[in-house]
Amino acid sequence: MTKPYYEVKKTITNRFYFNLKTSEDEILLYGETCKTLNQCKQQIIFIKQNAYDYDCYQSKITKTNRYYFNLLQKEDIILGQSNKHNTLEEKELAIASVMLYATVATIKIFNEAE
């Protein structure tokens, strides 16, 4: 069984982003796009530093009553966003999963062809 991981990829506009994935390839957190690979890696470091702090999670609700959250760095900088969830309980479980997996996840960098 593989460990959770940060999947880092390059966009067609040569920017970088990551997805935090479970060992079953479920996306837990979508990263913001960055200009460079080093900025993307720095964003992952910030996530690892902030993932345990429940105060860094900003809960949101869509106009269609679906729940999601942003993981924030200090000064309200968004580091990542979750999937949309049907219930508050599902959203809270997703936060717990990010808290659990974010610090132990490895980083895998994929090239454009993958």
C-alpha atoms as a PDB file:
ATOM      1  CA  MET A   1       0.000   0.000   0.000  1.00  0.00           C
ATOM      2  CA  THR A   2       1.342   3.408  -0.933  1.00  0.00           C
ATOM      3  CA  LYS A   3       1.445   6.400   1.353  1.00  0.00           C
ATOM      4  CA  PRO A   4      -0.536   9.591   0.857  1.00  0.00           C
ATOM      5  CA  TYR A   5       1.265  11.975  -1.468  1.00  0.00           C
ATOM      6  CA  TYR A   6       1.352  15.400  -3.025  1.00  0.00           C
ATOM      7  CA  GLU A   7       0.952  15.029  -6.779  1.00  0.00           C
ATOM      8  CA  VAL A   8       2.801  17.986  -8.350  1.00  0.00           C
ATOM      9  CA  LYS A   9       2.099  18.780 -11.999  1.00  0.00           C
ATOM     10  CA  LYS A  10       2.771  21.498 -14.550  1.00  0.00           C
ATOM     11  CA  THR A  11      -0.060  23.225 -16.417  1.00  0.00           C
ATOM     12  CA  ILE A  12      -0.031  23.946 -20.145  1.00  0.00           C
ATOM     13  CA  THR A  13       0.828  27.553 -19.230  1.00  0.00           C
ATOM     14  CA  ASN A  14       3.980  26.357 -17.382  1.00  0.00           C
ATOM     15  CA  ARG A  15       2.637  26.965 -13.875  1.00  0.00           C
ATOM     16  CA  PHE A  16       2.744  24.338 -11.125  1.00  0.00           C
ATOM     17  CA  TYR A  17       0.052  22.965  -8.821  1.00  0.00           C
ATOM     18  CA  PHE A  18      -0.421  20.055  -6.466  1.00  0.00           C
ATOM     19  CA  ASN A  19      -3.152  17.765  -5.231  1.00  0.00           C
ATOM     20  CA  LEU A  20      -2.888  16.072  -1.845  1.00  0.00           C
ATOM     21  CA  LYS A  21      -4.011  12.495  -2.465  1.00  0.00           C
ATOM     22  CA  THR A  22      -4.744   9.514  -0.281  1.00  0.00           C
ATOM     23  CA  SER A  23      -3.038   6.180  -0.878  1.00  0.00           C
ATOM     24  CA  GLU A  24      -6.200   5.266  -2.840  1.00  0.00           C
ATOM     25  CA  ASP A  25      -5.693   8.310  -5.152  1.00  0.00           C
ATOM     26  CA  GLU A  26      -8.612  10.292  -3.712  1.00  0.00           C
ATOM     27  CA  ILE A  27      -7.942  14.034  -3.821  1.00  0.00           C
ATOM     28  CA  LEU A  28      -8.215  15.623  -0.378  1.00  0.00           C
ATOM     29  CA  LEU A  29      -6.897  19.092  -1.180  1.00  0.00           C
ATOM     30  CA  TYR A  30      -6.348  21.079  -4.366  1.00  0.00           C
ATOM     31  CA  GLY A  31      -3.427  23.496  -4.378  1.00  0.00           C
ATOM     32  CA  GLU A  32      -3.298  26.976  -5.823  1.00  0.00           C
ATOM     33  CA  THR A  33      -1.206  27.399  -8.971  1.00  0.00           C
ATOM     34  CA  CYS A  34       2.335  28.742  -8.604  1.00  0.00           C
ATOM     35  CA  LYS A  35       4.753  30.319 -11.053  1.00  0.00           C
ATOM     36  CA  THR A  36       7.632  27.979 -10.220  1.00  0.00           C
ATOM     37  CA  LEU A  37       8.203  24.464  -8.931  1.00  0.00           C
ATOM     38  CA  ASN A  38      10.031  25.875  -5.909  1.00  0.00           C
ATOM     39  CA  GLN A  39       7.016  28.044  -5.015  1.00  0.00           C
ATOM     40  CA  CYS A  40       4.797  24.966  -5.270  1.00  0.00           C
ATOM     41  CA  LYS A  41       7.134  23.030  -2.970  1.00  0.00           C
ATOM     42  CA  GLN A  42       7.119  25.966  -0.530  1.00  0.00           C
ATOM     43  CA  GLN A  43       3.322  25.911  -0.531  1.00  0.00           C
ATOM     44  CA  ILE A  44       3.448  22.214   0.434  1.00  0.00           C
ATOM     45  CA  ILE A  45       5.846  23.051   3.278  1.00  0.00           C
ATOM     46  CA  PHE A  46       3.374  25.680   4.534  1.00  0.00           C
ATOM     47  CA  ILE A  47       0.587  23.087   4.401  1.00  0.00           C
ATOM     48  CA  LYS A  48       2.674  20.649   6.415  1.00  0.00           C
ATOM     49  CA  GLN A  49       3.267  23.423   8.991  1.00  0.00           C
ATOM     50  CA  ASN A  50      -0.393  24.473   9.233  1.00  0.00           C
ATOM     51  CA  ALA A  51      -2.311  21.205   8.735  1.00  0.00           C
ATOM     52  CA  TYR A  52      -2.577  20.366  12.457  1.00  0.00           C
ATOM     53  CA  ASP A  53      -4.021  23.770  13.379  1.00  0.00           C
ATOM     54  CA  TYR A  54      -7.826  23.639  13.139  1.00  0.00           C
ATOM     55  CA  ASP A  55      -7.872  27.460  13.175  1.00  0.00           C
ATOM     56  CA  CYS A  56      -6.198  27.411   9.740  1.00  0.00           C
ATOM     57  CA  TYR A  57      -9.274  25.760   8.201  1.00  0.00           C
ATOM     58  CA  GLN A  58     -11.887  28.135   6.811  1.00  0.00           C
ATOM     59  CA  SER A  59     -15.255  26.417   6.403  1.00  0.00           C
ATOM     60  CA  LYS A  60     -17.406  27.513   3.474  1.00  0.00           C
ATOM     61  CA  ILE A  61     -20.747  26.636   1.914  1.00  0.00           C
ATOM     62  CA  THR A  62     -21.746  26.987  -1.738  1.00  0.00           C
ATOM     63  CA  LYS A  63     -24.956  28.554  -3.041  1.00  0.00           C
ATOM     64  CA  THR A  64     -26.233  25.006  -3.551  1.00  0.00           C
ATOM     65  CA  ASN A  65     -25.593  24.118   0.121  1.00  0.00           C
ATOM     66  CA  ARG A  66     -22.481  21.997  -0.380  1.00  0.00           C
ATOM     67  CA  TYR A  67     -19.708  22.190   2.197  1.00  0.00           C
ATOM     68  CA  TYR A  68     -16.000  22.723   1.607  1.00  0.00           C
ATOM     69  CA  PHE A  69     -12.995  24.327   3.258  1.00  0.00           C
ATOM     70  CA  ASN A  70      -9.871  26.284   2.520  1.00  0.00           C
ATOM     71  CA  LEU A  71      -6.614  25.601   4.317  1.00  0.00           C
ATOM     72  CA  LEU A  72      -5.058  28.947   5.114  1.00  0.00           C
ATOM     73  CA  GLN A  73      -1.633  30.231   5.934  1.00  0.00           C
ATOM     74  CA  LYS A  74      -1.407  33.164   8.296  1.00  0.00           C
ATOM     75  CA  GLU A  75      -2.816  36.423   6.854  1.00  0.00           C
ATOM     76  CA  ASP A  76      -5.616  34.416   5.198  1.00  0.00           C
ATOM     77  CA  ILE A  77      -3.525  33.213   2.249  1.00  0.00           C
ATOM     78  CA  ILE A  78      -5.255  30.190   0.697  1.00  0.00           C
ATOM     79  CA  LEU A  79      -2.923  27.205   0.429  1.00  0.00           C
ATOM     80  CA  GLY A  80      -5.486  24.683  -0.748  1.00  0.00           C
ATOM     81  CA  GLN A  81      -9.174  23.928  -1.152  1.00  0.00           C
ATOM     82  CA  SER A  82     -11.161  20.767  -0.558  1.00  0.00           C
ATOM     83  CA  ASN A  83     -13.743  18.974  -2.641  1.00  0.00           C
ATOM     84  CA  LYS A  84     -17.394  19.906  -2.185  1.00  0.00           C
ATOM     85  CA  HIS A  85     -19.238  17.703   0.335  1.00  0.00           C
ATOM     86  CA  ASN A  86     -22.936  16.981   0.768  1.00  0.00           C
ATOM     87  CA  THR A  87     -22.928  17.133   4.563  1.00  0.00           C
ATOM     88  CA  LEU A  88     -21.165  19.012   7.321  1.00  0.00           C
ATOM     89  CA  GLU A  89     -19.995  15.672   8.724  1.00  0.00           C
ATOM     90  CA  GLU A  90     -18.316  14.737   5.419  1.00  0.00           C
ATOM     91  CA  LYS A  91     -16.514  18.097   5.391  1.00  0.00           C
ATOM     92  CA  GLU A  92     -15.304  17.615   8.971  1.00  0.00           C
ATOM     93  CA  LEU A  93     -14.079  14.114   8.102  1.00  0.00           C
ATOM     94  CA  ALA A  94     -12.171  15.586   5.147  1.00  0.00           C
ATOM     95  CA  ILE A  95     -10.522  18.144   7.465  1.00  0.00           C
ATOM     96  CA  ALA A  96      -9.511  15.317   9.806  1.00  0.00           C
ATOM     97  CA  SER A  97      -8.051  13.423   6.838  1.00  0.00           C
ATOM     98  CA  VAL A  98      -5.988  16.427   5.733  1.00  0.00           C
ATOM     99  CA  MET A  99      -4.779  16.899   9.321  1.00  0.00           C
ATOM    100  CA  LEU A 100      -3.731  13.242   9.371  1.00  0.00           C
ATOM    101  CA  TYR A 101      -2.199  12.888   5.907  1.00  0.00           C
ATOM    102  CA  ALA A 102      -0.705  16.296   5.067  1.00  0.00           C
ATOM    103  CA  THR A 103       2.374  15.980   7.244  1.00  0.00           C
ATOM    104  CA  VAL A 104       3.258  12.389   6.305  1.00  0.00           C
ATOM    105  CA  ALA A 105       2.579  12.637   2.568  1.00  0.00           C
ATOM    106  CA  THR A 106       5.492  12.351   0.174  1.00  0.00           C
ATOM    107  CA  ILE A 107       5.958  14.592  -2.874  1.00  0.00           C
ATOM    108  CA  LYS A 108       5.733  13.082  -6.363  1.00  0.00           C
ATOM    109  CA  ILE A 109       6.543  15.316  -9.309  1.00  0.00           C
ATOM    110  CA  PHE A 110       4.938  14.312 -12.600  1.00  0.00           C
ATOM    111  CA  ASN A 111       6.063  15.625 -15.950  1.00  0.00           C
ATOM    112  CA  GLU A 112       3.682  16.962 -18.593  1.00  0.00           C
ATOM    113  CA  ALA A 113       3.514  13.653 -20.450  1.00  0.00           C
ATOM    114  CA  GLU A 114       2.023  11.786 -17.459  1.00  0.00           C
END
